[in-house]
N, C-alpha and C. Protein backbone atom coordinates (compact mmCIF):
# COMPACT_ATOMS: atom_id res chain seq x y z
N MET A 1 0.99 -1.18 -0.32
CA MET A 1 0.20 0.20 0.50
C MET A 1 0.85 1.58 -0.41
N ASN A 2 0.51 1.91 -0.88
CA ASN A 2 1.24 3.53 -1.15
C ASN A 2 0.82 4.43 -0.20
N HIS A 3 1.60 4.43 1.51
CA HIS A 3 0.30 5.53 2.35
C HIS A 3 0.30 7.06 1.85
N VAL A 4 0.80 7.35 0.73
CA VAL A 4 0.55 8.93 0.49
C VAL A 4 -0.86 8.82 0.20
N PHE A 5 -1.55 7.70 -0.46
CA PHE A 5 -3.34 8.04 -1.19
C PHE A 5 -3.86 8.32 0.08
N LEU A 6 -3.10 7.65 1.13
CA LEU A 6 -4.30 8.08 2.51
C LEU A 6 -4.26 8.78 3.68
N ASP A 7 -3.11 9.33 2.96
CA ASP A 7 -2.35 10.11 4.31
C ASP A 7 -3.67 11.93 4.32
N PRO A 8 -4.08 11.47 5.84
CA PRO A 8 -4.70 12.81 6.03
C PRO A 8 -4.92 14.25 5.80
N GLN A 9 -3.64 14.26 5.75
CA GLN A 9 -3.47 15.87 5.71
C GLN A 9 -3.39 16.25 4.45
N HIS A 10 -3.57 15.52 3.94
CA HIS A 10 -3.33 15.74 2.13
C HIS A 10 -4.73 15.15 0.67
N THR A 11 -5.70 14.45 1.78
CA THR A 11 -7.02 13.34 1.74
C THR A 11 -7.93 14.40 1.17
N ALA A 12 -8.63 13.90 0.59
CA ALA A 12 -10.41 14.39 0.50
C ALA A 12 -11.20 13.54 0.80
N PHE A 13 -12.34 13.15 1.03
CA PHE A 13 -13.12 11.80 1.02
C PHE A 13 -14.28 12.22 -0.22
N MET A 14 -14.92 11.27 -0.84
CA MET A 14 -15.50 11.95 -2.07
C MET A 14 -17.07 10.69 -1.85
N ILE A 15 -18.15 11.69 -1.82
CA ILE A 15 -19.32 10.31 -1.77
C ILE A 15 -19.85 11.30 -2.93
N ILE A 16 -20.19 10.43 -4.04
CA ILE A 16 -20.51 10.19 -5.83
C ILE A 16 -22.06 9.79 -5.48
N ASP A 17 -22.78 10.81 -5.85
CA ASP A 17 -24.31 10.36 -6.41
C ASP A 17 -24.60 9.37 -5.64
N VAL A 18 -24.74 9.34 -4.60
CA VAL A 18 -26.00 8.47 -3.75
C VAL A 18 -27.04 9.17 -3.47
N GLN A 19 -27.73 9.54 -4.39
CA GLN A 19 -29.33 10.07 -4.78
C GLN A 19 -30.70 9.19 -4.62
N ASN A 20 -31.49 9.49 -4.50
CA ASN A 20 -32.34 9.00 -4.55
C ASN A 20 -32.70 8.14 -5.70
N ASP A 21 -32.92 8.97 -7.02
CA ASP A 21 -33.12 8.22 -7.84
C ASP A 21 -32.67 7.07 -8.41
N PHE A 22 -30.86 6.89 -8.18
CA PHE A 22 -30.25 6.21 -8.37
C PHE A 22 -30.32 4.55 -7.03
N CYS A 23 -30.45 5.12 -6.01
CA CYS A 23 -30.57 4.26 -4.99
C CYS A 23 -31.95 3.99 -4.23
N HIS A 24 -32.35 4.71 -4.25
CA HIS A 24 -34.23 4.58 -3.61
C HIS A 24 -34.75 3.38 -4.41
N GLU A 25 -35.67 2.80 -3.50
CA GLU A 25 -36.34 1.48 -4.06
C GLU A 25 -37.63 2.56 -4.62
N ASN A 26 -37.81 3.35 -4.80
CA ASN A 26 -38.85 4.07 -5.63
C ASN A 26 -38.13 5.14 -6.22
N GLY A 27 -37.15 5.23 -6.63
CA GLY A 27 -36.21 6.37 -7.35
C GLY A 27 -36.71 5.62 -9.08
N VAL A 28 -35.88 6.41 -9.48
CA VAL A 28 -36.22 6.03 -11.39
C VAL A 28 -35.72 4.98 -11.85
N LYS A 29 -34.37 4.39 -11.18
CA LYS A 29 -34.08 3.32 -11.63
C LYS A 29 -34.66 2.42 -11.41
N ALA A 30 -35.00 1.98 -10.11
CA ALA A 30 -35.78 1.26 -9.42
C ALA A 30 -37.23 0.69 -9.90
N VAL A 31 -37.59 1.50 -10.11
CA VAL A 31 -39.01 1.61 -10.88
C VAL A 31 -38.76 1.64 -12.37
N LYS A 32 -38.06 1.56 -13.30
CA LYS A 32 -37.87 1.18 -14.31
C LYS A 32 -36.82 -0.28 -14.86
N GLY A 33 -36.91 -0.91 -13.24
CA GLY A 33 -36.88 -2.52 -13.18
C GLY A 33 -35.14 -2.72 -12.88
N THR A 34 -33.98 -1.74 -12.60
CA THR A 34 -32.98 -1.84 -11.97
C THR A 34 -33.33 -2.20 -10.39
N ASP A 35 -32.09 -3.47 -10.00
CA ASP A 35 -32.05 -3.59 -9.07
C ASP A 35 -30.43 -2.57 -8.33
N VAL A 36 -31.13 -2.25 -7.29
CA VAL A 36 -30.39 -1.07 -7.04
C VAL A 36 -29.97 -1.73 -5.49
N THR A 37 -30.37 -2.85 -5.31
CA THR A 37 -30.05 -3.05 -3.66
C THR A 37 -28.20 -3.32 -3.50
N LYS A 38 -27.15 -2.94 -4.33
CA LYS A 38 -26.37 -3.18 -3.96
C LYS A 38 -25.99 -1.55 -3.70
N ALA A 39 -27.05 -0.57 -4.71
CA ALA A 39 -26.57 0.65 -3.87
C ALA A 39 -26.97 1.13 -2.51
N GLN A 40 -27.94 0.63 -2.01
CA GLN A 40 -28.14 0.67 -0.61
C GLN A 40 -27.02 0.06 0.13
N THR A 41 -26.47 -1.42 -0.08
CA THR A 41 -25.83 -1.41 0.48
C THR A 41 -24.70 -0.91 1.15
N VAL A 42 -24.18 0.24 0.34
CA VAL A 42 -22.71 0.39 0.42
C VAL A 42 -23.01 1.96 1.44
N VAL A 43 -24.35 2.73 1.66
CA VAL A 43 -24.54 2.84 2.25
C VAL A 43 -23.82 3.12 4.02
N PRO A 44 -23.88 2.09 4.29
CA PRO A 44 -23.32 1.72 5.92
C PRO A 44 -22.00 2.14 5.79
N VAL A 45 -21.36 1.36 4.73
CA VAL A 45 -20.04 1.61 4.55
C VAL A 45 -19.40 2.81 4.31
N ILE A 46 -20.22 3.90 3.67
CA ILE A 46 -19.67 5.50 3.15
C ILE A 46 -20.33 6.12 5.00
N GLU A 47 -20.86 5.62 5.94
CA GLU A 47 -21.02 6.38 6.74
C GLU A 47 -19.98 6.24 7.87
N GLY A 48 -19.63 5.02 7.85
CA GLY A 48 -18.79 4.78 8.58
C GLY A 48 -17.28 5.21 8.16
N LEU A 49 -16.96 5.35 7.06
CA LEU A 49 -15.63 6.20 6.52
C LEU A 49 -15.93 7.72 6.48
N ILE A 50 -17.10 8.30 6.57
CA ILE A 50 -17.42 9.54 6.92
C ILE A 50 -17.05 9.94 8.60
N VAL A 51 -17.44 8.99 9.14
CA VAL A 51 -17.15 9.58 10.72
C VAL A 51 -15.65 9.30 10.74
N GLU A 52 -14.92 8.16 10.42
CA GLU A 52 -13.80 8.26 10.64
C GLU A 52 -12.56 9.11 9.58
N ALA A 53 -13.42 9.73 8.71
CA ALA A 53 -12.96 10.94 7.73
C ALA A 53 -12.84 12.13 9.25
N ARG A 54 -14.15 12.55 9.55
CA ARG A 54 -14.03 13.56 9.93
C ARG A 54 -13.29 13.69 11.37
N SER A 55 -13.29 12.70 12.40
CA SER A 55 -12.57 12.41 13.42
C SER A 55 -10.73 12.67 13.02
N ARG A 56 -10.81 12.82 12.11
CA ARG A 56 -9.15 13.17 11.11
C ARG A 56 -8.98 14.52 10.31
N ASN A 57 -9.88 15.30 10.46
CA ASN A 57 -10.33 16.26 9.73
C ASN A 57 -10.35 16.50 8.34
N ILE A 58 -10.15 15.44 7.47
CA ILE A 58 -10.44 15.08 6.26
C ILE A 58 -11.68 15.80 5.04
N PRO A 59 -11.29 16.69 4.81
CA PRO A 59 -12.79 17.06 3.94
C PRO A 59 -13.45 16.08 3.33
N ILE A 60 -14.83 16.47 3.45
CA ILE A 60 -15.94 15.54 3.12
C ILE A 60 -16.39 16.17 2.07
N ILE A 61 -16.37 15.51 1.04
CA ILE A 61 -17.37 16.33 -0.60
C ILE A 61 -18.37 15.07 -0.87
N PHE A 62 -19.24 15.89 -0.78
CA PHE A 62 -20.76 15.34 -1.89
C PHE A 62 -20.60 16.05 -3.19
N VAL A 63 -21.51 14.69 -4.17
CA VAL A 63 -21.43 15.06 -5.25
C VAL A 63 -22.37 14.31 -5.41
N ARG A 64 -23.23 15.78 -6.72
CA ARG A 64 -24.76 14.91 -6.88
C ARG A 64 -24.82 15.60 -8.30
N THR A 65 -25.20 14.69 -8.96
CA THR A 65 -25.84 14.99 -10.22
C THR A 65 -27.10 15.24 -10.65
N THR A 66 -27.46 16.63 -11.22
CA THR A 66 -28.82 16.97 -11.72
C THR A 66 -28.65 16.92 -12.94
N HIS A 67 -30.26 17.12 -13.76
CA HIS A 67 -29.90 17.16 -15.13
C HIS A 67 -31.11 18.54 -14.94
N SER A 68 -31.32 19.87 -16.01
CA SER A 68 -32.42 20.32 -16.39
C SER A 68 -32.55 20.72 -17.76
N ALA A 69 -32.78 21.56 -18.39
CA ALA A 69 -33.06 22.05 -19.92
C ALA A 69 -31.71 22.48 -20.35
N SER A 70 -31.73 23.77 -19.27
CA SER A 70 -30.41 24.11 -19.49
C SER A 70 -28.71 23.66 -19.93
N SER A 71 -28.89 22.11 -18.54
CA SER A 71 -27.45 21.79 -18.53
C SER A 71 -27.27 20.05 -19.41
N SER A 72 -28.36 20.27 -20.20
CA SER A 72 -28.52 18.58 -20.80
C SER A 72 -28.74 19.41 -22.42
N SER A 73 -27.10 18.97 -23.14
CA SER A 73 -27.39 19.60 -24.23
C SER A 73 -27.43 18.09 -25.18
N LYS A 74 -27.47 19.14 -26.51
CA LYS A 74 -27.54 18.04 -27.52
C LYS A 74 -26.57 16.99 -27.52
N ALA A 75 -25.59 16.90 -27.66
CA ALA A 75 -24.99 15.95 -27.72
C ALA A 75 -25.39 15.34 -26.20
N TRP A 76 -25.29 15.68 -25.17
CA TRP A 76 -25.93 14.76 -23.65
C TRP A 76 -27.01 14.26 -24.40
N LEU A 77 -27.59 14.70 -24.59
CA LEU A 77 -28.86 14.04 -24.88
C LEU A 77 -29.17 12.98 -25.81
N SER A 78 -28.22 13.06 -26.22
CA SER A 78 -27.98 12.14 -27.57
C SER A 78 -26.85 11.00 -27.50
N ARG A 79 -26.18 10.49 -25.99
CA ARG A 79 -25.17 9.37 -25.80
C ARG A 79 -26.10 8.37 -25.86
N PRO A 80 -25.85 7.26 -25.76
CA PRO A 80 -26.11 5.86 -26.09
C PRO A 80 -26.93 6.24 -24.91
N ASN A 81 -28.33 4.99 -25.06
CA ASN A 81 -29.63 5.03 -23.87
C ASN A 81 -29.53 5.95 -23.46
N ALA A 82 -29.70 7.30 -23.77
CA ALA A 82 -30.06 8.93 -23.12
C ALA A 82 -32.03 8.78 -22.92
N SER A 83 -31.87 8.46 -23.96
CA SER A 83 -33.74 8.09 -23.39
C SER A 83 -34.20 7.45 -22.66
N SER A 84 -33.85 6.56 -21.73
CA SER A 84 -33.88 5.61 -20.79
C SER A 84 -33.68 6.73 -19.22
N LYS A 85 -32.65 7.76 -19.77
CA LYS A 85 -32.51 7.96 -18.30
C LYS A 85 -32.83 10.04 -18.53
N VAL A 86 -33.52 9.99 -19.16
CA VAL A 86 -33.87 11.70 -19.65
C VAL A 86 -34.85 12.22 -17.80
N ASN A 87 -35.27 11.14 -17.17
CA ASN A 87 -36.33 11.65 -16.22
C ASN A 87 -35.10 11.25 -15.20
N LEU A 88 -33.87 10.91 -14.71
CA LEU A 88 -33.32 10.98 -13.34
C LEU A 88 -32.75 11.97 -12.72
N VAL A 89 -32.52 12.41 -12.04
CA VAL A 89 -32.39 13.47 -11.28
C VAL A 89 -32.40 14.71 -12.27
N ARG A 90 -33.80 14.83 -12.41
CA ARG A 90 -34.28 16.03 -12.73
C ARG A 90 -33.66 17.27 -11.70
N GLU A 91 -33.54 18.50 -12.15
CA GLU A 91 -33.38 19.70 -10.90
C GLU A 91 -34.53 19.46 -9.90
N GLY A 92 -34.14 19.53 -8.60
CA GLY A 92 -35.61 20.49 -7.95
C GLY A 92 -36.22 19.10 -7.63
N THR A 93 -36.32 18.24 -8.09
CA THR A 93 -36.69 16.98 -7.73
C THR A 93 -36.81 16.17 -6.34
N TRP A 94 -36.89 15.38 -5.99
CA TRP A 94 -36.88 14.61 -4.53
C TRP A 94 -35.67 13.01 -5.47
N GLY A 95 -36.15 13.28 -6.56
CA GLY A 95 -34.95 12.43 -6.73
C GLY A 95 -33.68 12.39 -7.67
N ALA A 96 -33.41 13.72 -7.01
CA ALA A 96 -31.66 14.02 -7.03
C ALA A 96 -31.78 14.79 -5.94
N GLU A 97 -31.90 14.04 -4.73
CA GLU A 97 -31.52 14.48 -3.33
C GLU A 97 -31.23 13.42 -2.93
N PHE A 98 -29.98 13.49 -1.91
CA PHE A 98 -29.07 12.53 -1.68
C PHE A 98 -29.76 11.11 -0.59
N TYR A 99 -29.52 10.19 -0.82
CA TYR A 99 -30.06 8.91 -0.06
C TYR A 99 -29.65 8.72 0.82
N LEU A 100 -30.38 8.91 2.45
CA LEU A 100 -29.73 8.50 3.61
C LEU A 100 -29.18 9.52 3.93
N LEU A 101 -27.64 9.88 3.06
CA LEU A 101 -26.86 10.60 3.73
C LEU A 101 -26.82 11.68 3.66
N SER A 102 -26.40 13.06 4.58
CA SER A 102 -27.25 14.37 4.24
C SER A 102 -25.88 15.16 4.45
N PRO A 103 -25.14 16.34 3.99
CA PRO A 103 -23.66 17.04 4.22
C PRO A 103 -24.23 17.59 5.50
N GLN A 104 -22.90 17.70 6.22
CA GLN A 104 -23.15 18.57 7.15
C GLN A 104 -22.39 19.67 7.49
N ALA A 105 -22.85 20.47 8.41
CA ALA A 105 -21.54 21.91 8.25
C ALA A 105 -20.30 21.69 7.99
N GLY A 106 -20.02 22.14 7.10
CA GLY A 106 -18.32 21.91 7.06
C GLY A 106 -17.99 21.43 5.84
N ASP A 107 -19.07 20.33 5.10
CA ASP A 107 -18.65 19.55 4.29
C ASP A 107 -18.84 20.01 3.10
N LEU A 108 -18.45 19.84 2.01
CA LEU A 108 -18.82 20.36 0.38
C LEU A 108 -19.47 19.22 -0.77
N VAL A 109 -20.19 20.52 -1.25
CA VAL A 109 -21.30 19.81 -2.15
C VAL A 109 -20.75 20.24 -3.73
N ILE A 110 -20.69 19.64 -4.52
CA ILE A 110 -20.14 19.38 -5.60
C ILE A 110 -21.72 19.32 -6.32
N GLU A 111 -22.28 19.92 -7.28
CA GLU A 111 -22.87 19.45 -8.58
C GLU A 111 -22.65 19.38 -9.90
N LYS A 112 -22.61 18.62 -10.32
CA LYS A 112 -22.66 17.98 -11.60
C LYS A 112 -23.42 17.95 -12.64
N HIS A 113 -22.97 17.79 -13.67
CA HIS A 113 -23.95 17.96 -14.70
C HIS A 113 -23.69 16.52 -15.78
N ARG A 114 -22.32 16.35 -15.58
CA ARG A 114 -21.94 14.91 -16.70
C ARG A 114 -21.34 13.94 -15.57
N TYR A 115 -20.61 12.75 -16.18
CA TYR A 115 -20.38 11.74 -15.68
C TYR A 115 -19.60 11.89 -14.26
N CYS A 116 -18.75 12.73 -15.25
CA CYS A 116 -17.32 12.97 -14.19
C CYS A 116 -17.55 14.18 -13.25
N ALA A 117 -16.93 14.10 -11.94
CA ALA A 117 -17.16 15.51 -10.89
C ALA A 117 -16.27 16.69 -11.46
N PHE A 118 -15.08 16.19 -12.14
CA PHE A 118 -14.43 17.80 -12.66
C PHE A 118 -14.93 18.37 -13.55
N THR A 119 -15.80 17.77 -14.30
CA THR A 119 -16.45 18.47 -15.79
C THR A 119 -17.44 19.77 -15.48
N LYS A 120 -17.08 20.58 -15.79
CA LYS A 120 -18.04 22.24 -15.51
C LYS A 120 -18.13 22.43 -14.20
N THR A 121 -17.42 21.90 -13.08
CA THR A 121 -17.70 22.28 -12.11
C THR A 121 -16.11 23.04 -11.19
N ASN A 122 -16.35 23.40 -10.50
CA ASN A 122 -15.05 24.36 -9.38
C ASN A 122 -14.36 23.06 -8.26
N LEU A 123 -14.31 21.66 -8.94
CA LEU A 123 -14.11 20.76 -7.63
C LEU A 123 -12.33 20.75 -7.53
N GLU A 124 -11.38 21.16 -8.62
CA GLU A 124 -10.16 21.15 -8.55
C GLU A 124 -10.05 22.24 -8.02
N GLU A 125 -10.81 23.34 -8.34
CA GLU A 125 -10.39 24.87 -7.68
C GLU A 125 -10.38 24.27 -6.62
N ILE A 126 -11.34 23.96 -5.39
CA ILE A 126 -11.48 23.64 -4.38
C ILE A 126 -10.15 22.70 -3.36
N LEU A 127 -10.08 21.77 -4.36
CA LEU A 127 -8.87 20.82 -3.93
C LEU A 127 -7.28 21.31 -4.18
N ASN A 128 -7.46 22.42 -4.91
CA ASN A 128 -6.30 22.75 -5.10
C ASN A 128 -5.84 23.58 -3.62
N ARG A 129 -7.34 24.81 -3.37
CA ARG A 129 -7.01 25.55 -2.31
C ARG A 129 -6.98 25.10 -0.94
N LEU A 130 -7.25 23.47 -1.18
CA LEU A 130 -6.80 22.61 0.42
C LEU A 130 -5.82 21.57 0.19
N GLU A 131 -4.98 22.41 -0.73
CA GLU A 131 -3.75 21.07 -1.06
C GLU A 131 -4.26 20.01 -0.84
N ILE A 132 -5.18 19.43 -1.74
CA ILE A 132 -5.50 18.04 -1.49
C ILE A 132 -4.67 17.26 -2.48
N LYS A 133 -3.90 16.37 -2.40
CA LYS A 133 -3.36 15.27 -3.13
C LYS A 133 -4.10 13.96 -3.76
N SER A 134 -4.24 13.38 -2.85
CA SER A 134 -4.86 12.29 -2.95
C SER A 134 -6.55 11.95 -2.69
N LEU A 135 -7.45 11.39 -3.33
CA LEU A 135 -8.72 11.62 -3.07
C LEU A 135 -9.15 9.94 -2.89
N ILE A 136 -9.83 9.44 -1.99
CA ILE A 136 -10.65 8.24 -2.32
C ILE A 136 -12.02 8.86 -2.07
N LEU A 137 -12.61 7.79 -2.95
CA LEU A 137 -13.83 7.65 -3.95
C LEU A 137 -14.81 6.62 -3.35
N THR A 138 -15.81 6.99 -3.34
CA THR A 138 -16.91 6.29 -3.29
C THR A 138 -18.04 6.63 -4.07
N GLY A 139 -19.06 5.40 -3.89
CA GLY A 139 -20.94 6.13 -4.39
C GLY A 139 -20.60 5.23 -6.04
N VAL A 140 -21.93 5.63 -6.52
CA VAL A 140 -22.67 4.80 -7.45
C VAL A 140 -23.02 5.69 -8.92
N ALA A 141 -22.19 5.41 -9.88
CA ALA A 141 -22.36 3.47 -10.00
C ALA A 141 -20.47 3.73 -10.54
N THR A 142 -20.50 2.42 -10.10
CA THR A 142 -18.81 2.24 -10.49
C THR A 142 -18.29 2.32 -11.60
N ASN A 143 -18.72 1.91 -12.18
CA ASN A 143 -18.35 2.29 -13.88
C ASN A 143 -18.67 3.21 -14.45
N VAL A 144 -19.22 4.03 -13.77
CA VAL A 144 -19.67 4.97 -14.59
C VAL A 144 -18.99 6.59 -14.01
N CYS A 145 -20.03 6.86 -12.91
CA CYS A 145 -19.77 8.42 -12.61
C CYS A 145 -18.71 8.35 -11.62
N VAL A 146 -18.22 7.25 -10.78
CA VAL A 146 -17.28 7.40 -9.88
C VAL A 146 -15.69 6.92 -11.01
N GLU A 147 -15.94 6.10 -11.56
CA GLU A 147 -14.43 5.67 -12.90
C GLU A 147 -14.30 6.88 -13.13
N SER A 148 -15.15 7.67 -14.38
CA SER A 148 -14.57 8.92 -14.43
C SER A 148 -14.32 9.58 -13.91
N THR A 149 -15.00 10.10 -12.48
CA THR A 149 -14.09 11.03 -11.74
C THR A 149 -12.87 10.53 -11.33
N ALA A 150 -12.51 9.13 -11.36
CA ALA A 150 -11.27 8.26 -10.94
C ALA A 150 -10.22 9.05 -11.72
N ARG A 151 -10.97 8.90 -13.48
CA ARG A 151 -9.56 8.90 -14.39
C ARG A 151 -9.20 10.15 -14.70
N ASN A 152 -10.24 10.92 -14.52
CA ASN A 152 -10.27 12.17 -14.48
C ASN A 152 -8.97 12.71 -13.66
N GLY A 153 -9.68 12.46 -12.49
CA GLY A 153 -8.17 12.95 -11.00
C GLY A 153 -6.91 12.46 -11.29
N PHE A 154 -6.91 11.27 -11.93
CA PHE A 154 -5.81 11.00 -12.16
C PHE A 154 -4.91 11.49 -13.12
N MET A 155 -5.79 12.02 -14.08
CA MET A 155 -4.95 12.84 -15.51
C MET A 155 -4.75 14.32 -14.30
N LEU A 156 -5.51 14.29 -13.43
CA LEU A 156 -4.64 15.54 -13.55
C LEU A 156 -4.19 15.52 -11.65
N ASP A 157 -3.62 14.45 -11.86
CA ASP A 157 -2.34 13.91 -10.91
C ASP A 157 -2.85 13.78 -9.18
N TYR A 158 -4.15 13.81 -8.98
CA TYR A 158 -4.43 13.14 -7.51
C TYR A 158 -4.26 11.57 -7.24
N ASN A 159 -3.74 11.51 -6.42
CA ASN A 159 -3.75 10.24 -6.32
C ASN A 159 -5.22 9.45 -5.65
N ILE A 160 -5.12 8.38 -6.40
CA ILE A 160 -6.98 8.21 -6.43
C ILE A 160 -7.11 6.70 -5.64
N THR A 161 -7.81 6.17 -4.98
CA THR A 161 -8.17 4.57 -4.04
C THR A 161 -9.94 4.96 -4.35
N LEU A 162 -10.38 3.93 -5.03
CA LEU A 162 -11.46 3.57 -5.00
C LEU A 162 -11.99 2.57 -3.58
N VAL A 163 -12.97 2.87 -3.33
CA VAL A 163 -13.34 1.70 -1.82
C VAL A 163 -14.38 0.95 -2.60
N ARG A 164 -13.74 -0.60 -2.59
CA ARG A 164 -14.80 -1.04 -3.58
C ARG A 164 -15.96 -1.37 -2.61
N ASP A 165 -15.79 -1.94 -1.24
CA ASP A 165 -17.15 -1.92 -0.54
C ASP A 165 -17.84 -0.79 -0.39
N GLY A 166 -17.69 0.35 -1.10
CA GLY A 166 -17.97 1.76 -0.25
C GLY A 166 -18.63 1.69 -1.86
N CYS A 167 -18.58 1.43 -3.25
CA CYS A 167 -19.10 1.40 -4.57
C CYS A 167 -20.05 0.67 -5.12
N ALA A 168 -20.59 0.97 -5.70
CA ALA A 168 -21.60 -0.02 -6.35
C ALA A 168 -22.22 0.20 -7.41
N GLY A 169 -21.93 -1.05 -8.42
CA GLY A 169 -22.66 -0.67 -9.89
C GLY A 169 -24.12 -1.57 -10.06
N TYR A 170 -24.58 -1.38 -11.22
CA TYR A 170 -25.82 -2.29 -11.38
C TYR A 170 -25.24 -3.66 -12.12
N ASN A 171 -24.31 -3.56 -12.91
CA ASN A 171 -24.25 -4.46 -13.35
C ASN A 171 -22.71 -5.28 -13.02
N ARG A 172 -22.41 -6.36 -12.36
CA ARG A 172 -21.48 -6.99 -11.81
C ARG A 172 -19.98 -7.10 -12.98
N ASP A 173 -20.16 -7.51 -13.88
CA ASP A 173 -19.32 -7.83 -14.87
C ASP A 173 -18.47 -6.47 -15.29
N LEU A 174 -19.34 -5.22 -15.48
CA LEU A 174 -18.68 -3.90 -15.41
C LEU A 174 -18.58 -3.30 -14.75
N GLU A 175 -18.79 -3.46 -13.35
CA GLU A 175 -18.52 -3.24 -11.99
C GLU A 175 -16.74 -3.37 -11.83
N GLU A 176 -16.53 -4.99 -12.15
CA GLU A 176 -15.59 -5.59 -11.61
C GLU A 176 -14.30 -4.95 -12.57
N ALA A 177 -14.60 -5.17 -13.40
CA ALA A 177 -13.68 -4.43 -14.82
C ALA A 177 -13.25 -2.93 -14.23
N ALA A 178 -14.00 -2.10 -13.89
CA ALA A 178 -13.61 -0.76 -13.27
C ALA A 178 -13.11 -1.07 -12.11
N PHE A 179 -13.27 -1.65 -11.73
CA PHE A 179 -12.62 -1.94 -10.31
C PHE A 179 -10.79 -2.41 -11.12
N ILE A 180 -11.11 -3.72 -11.61
CA ILE A 180 -9.38 -4.26 -11.86
C ILE A 180 -8.81 -2.98 -12.95
N ASN A 181 -9.29 -1.92 -13.43
CA ASN A 181 -8.93 -1.01 -14.66
C ASN A 181 -8.40 0.08 -14.05
N ILE A 182 -9.05 0.33 -13.06
CA ILE A 182 -8.44 1.25 -11.85
C ILE A 182 -6.95 1.13 -11.15
N GLN A 183 -7.12 -0.29 -10.86
CA GLN A 183 -6.12 -1.21 -10.04
C GLN A 183 -5.01 -1.28 -10.72
N THR A 184 -5.37 -1.49 -12.09
CA THR A 184 -4.07 -1.44 -13.19
C THR A 184 -3.32 -0.58 -13.72
N ASN A 185 -4.23 0.57 -13.62
CA ASN A 185 -4.04 1.82 -14.16
C ASN A 185 -3.71 3.38 -13.95
N PHE A 186 -5.31 3.14 -12.84
CA PHE A 186 -5.24 4.55 -12.10
C PHE A 186 -5.03 5.34 -10.68
N GLY A 187 -4.78 3.75 -10.45
CA GLY A 187 -4.63 4.08 -8.50
C GLY A 187 -4.66 2.77 -7.89
N MET A 188 -5.53 2.86 -6.99
CA MET A 188 -5.52 1.19 -6.01
C MET A 188 -7.10 1.40 -5.83
N VAL A 189 -7.54 0.49 -5.26
CA VAL A 189 -8.75 -0.43 -5.08
C VAL A 189 -8.62 -1.12 -3.30
N LEU A 190 -9.05 -0.56 -2.55
CA LEU A 190 -9.10 -1.40 -0.92
C LEU A 190 -10.54 -1.33 -0.84
N ASP A 191 -10.50 -2.05 0.33
CA ASP A 191 -11.68 -2.24 1.07
C ASP A 191 -11.70 -0.97 2.19
N ALA A 192 -12.95 -0.86 3.12
CA ALA A 192 -13.14 0.24 3.93
C ALA A 192 -12.26 -0.01 5.02
N LYS A 193 -12.08 -1.09 5.11
CA LYS A 193 -11.36 -1.71 6.40
C LYS A 193 -10.07 -1.29 6.49
N GLU A 194 -9.37 -1.95 5.07
CA GLU A 194 -7.99 -1.60 5.06
C GLU A 194 -7.69 0.02 5.20
N ILE A 195 -8.62 0.81 4.69
CA ILE A 195 -8.60 2.36 4.73
C ILE A 195 -8.61 2.72 6.27
N MET A 196 -9.54 2.56 6.78
CA MET A 196 -9.59 2.58 8.62
C MET A 196 -8.46 1.69 9.54
N ASP A 197 -8.06 0.84 9.46
CA ASP A 197 -6.61 0.37 9.99
C ASP A 197 -5.70 1.03 9.78
N TYR A 198 -5.54 1.43 8.66
CA TYR A 198 -4.31 2.38 8.18
C TYR A 198 -4.40 3.65 9.03
N TRP A 199 -5.83 4.11 9.27
CA TRP A 199 -5.85 5.26 9.75
C TRP A 199 -5.50 5.21 11.48
N THR A 200 -6.58 4.20 11.72
CA THR A 200 -5.92 4.00 13.18
C THR A 200 -4.47 3.77 13.56
N GLY A 201 -3.46 2.84 12.66
CA GLY A 201 -2.53 2.90 13.26
C GLY A 201 -1.67 3.62 12.92
N LEU A 202 -1.69 4.81 11.75
CA LEU A 202 -1.32 6.12 12.10
C LEU A 202 -1.62 6.83 12.86
N HIS A 203 -2.93 6.67 13.46
CA HIS A 203 -2.72 7.41 14.77
C HIS A 203 -2.40 7.16 15.51
N SER A 204 -2.18 5.45 15.90
CA SER A 204 -1.28 5.15 17.15
C SER A 204 0.14 5.34 17.34
N SER A 205 0.72 5.57 15.97
CA SER A 205 1.95 5.85 15.88
C SER A 205 2.35 7.02 16.62
N LEU A 206 1.32 7.89 15.95
CA LEU A 206 1.79 9.51 16.21
C LEU A 206 1.33 9.36 17.56
N GLN A 207 0.87 8.89 18.63
CA GLN A 207 0.40 9.24 19.82
C GLN A 207 1.30 8.31 20.91
N ALA A 208 2.46 7.09 19.90
CA ALA A 208 3.20 6.37 20.89
C ALA A 208 4.41 7.53 21.47
């Protein structure tokens, strides 16, 4: 394990697109027939990491997708399978709200309109201001918005870690391919316990 990837002094913890339309049984994905069970099961894992991150003053960044007439270009609307996603996370709707998780005072919220959290947002500016060098990513969907953000983050020279049990996809094969791809080319893939054990051990060594 490359410990610089998890250094609390220069790391931000990101929660990507944990929203009702993607995770709730009454959200658009579920209503259209997608099994959202995996998306729901990662929430307690993310909650545990949030607690640990807060205790170490690691910035918490909530990322959410919203779509509206002004943010949806012709190119975006003509992407593959776009017609089946047209009602997802519409701006101002219940479906666009966070699922079970809520930002607290001091947390950062990034609103995006594309798969990647860096595209047309001020995320990079915020990270630079906070002197962040490493990103720990959780959320949905592993092989879409999480992987897109991870790839772009890597290209911008951030150390990237995906939390295997803190990410959820809707297709097991595509999700596993994303994990393999990140581990092979873009960063690390760790379980939440591995991250928390590292932080605990680091804290203990500093207290010794």
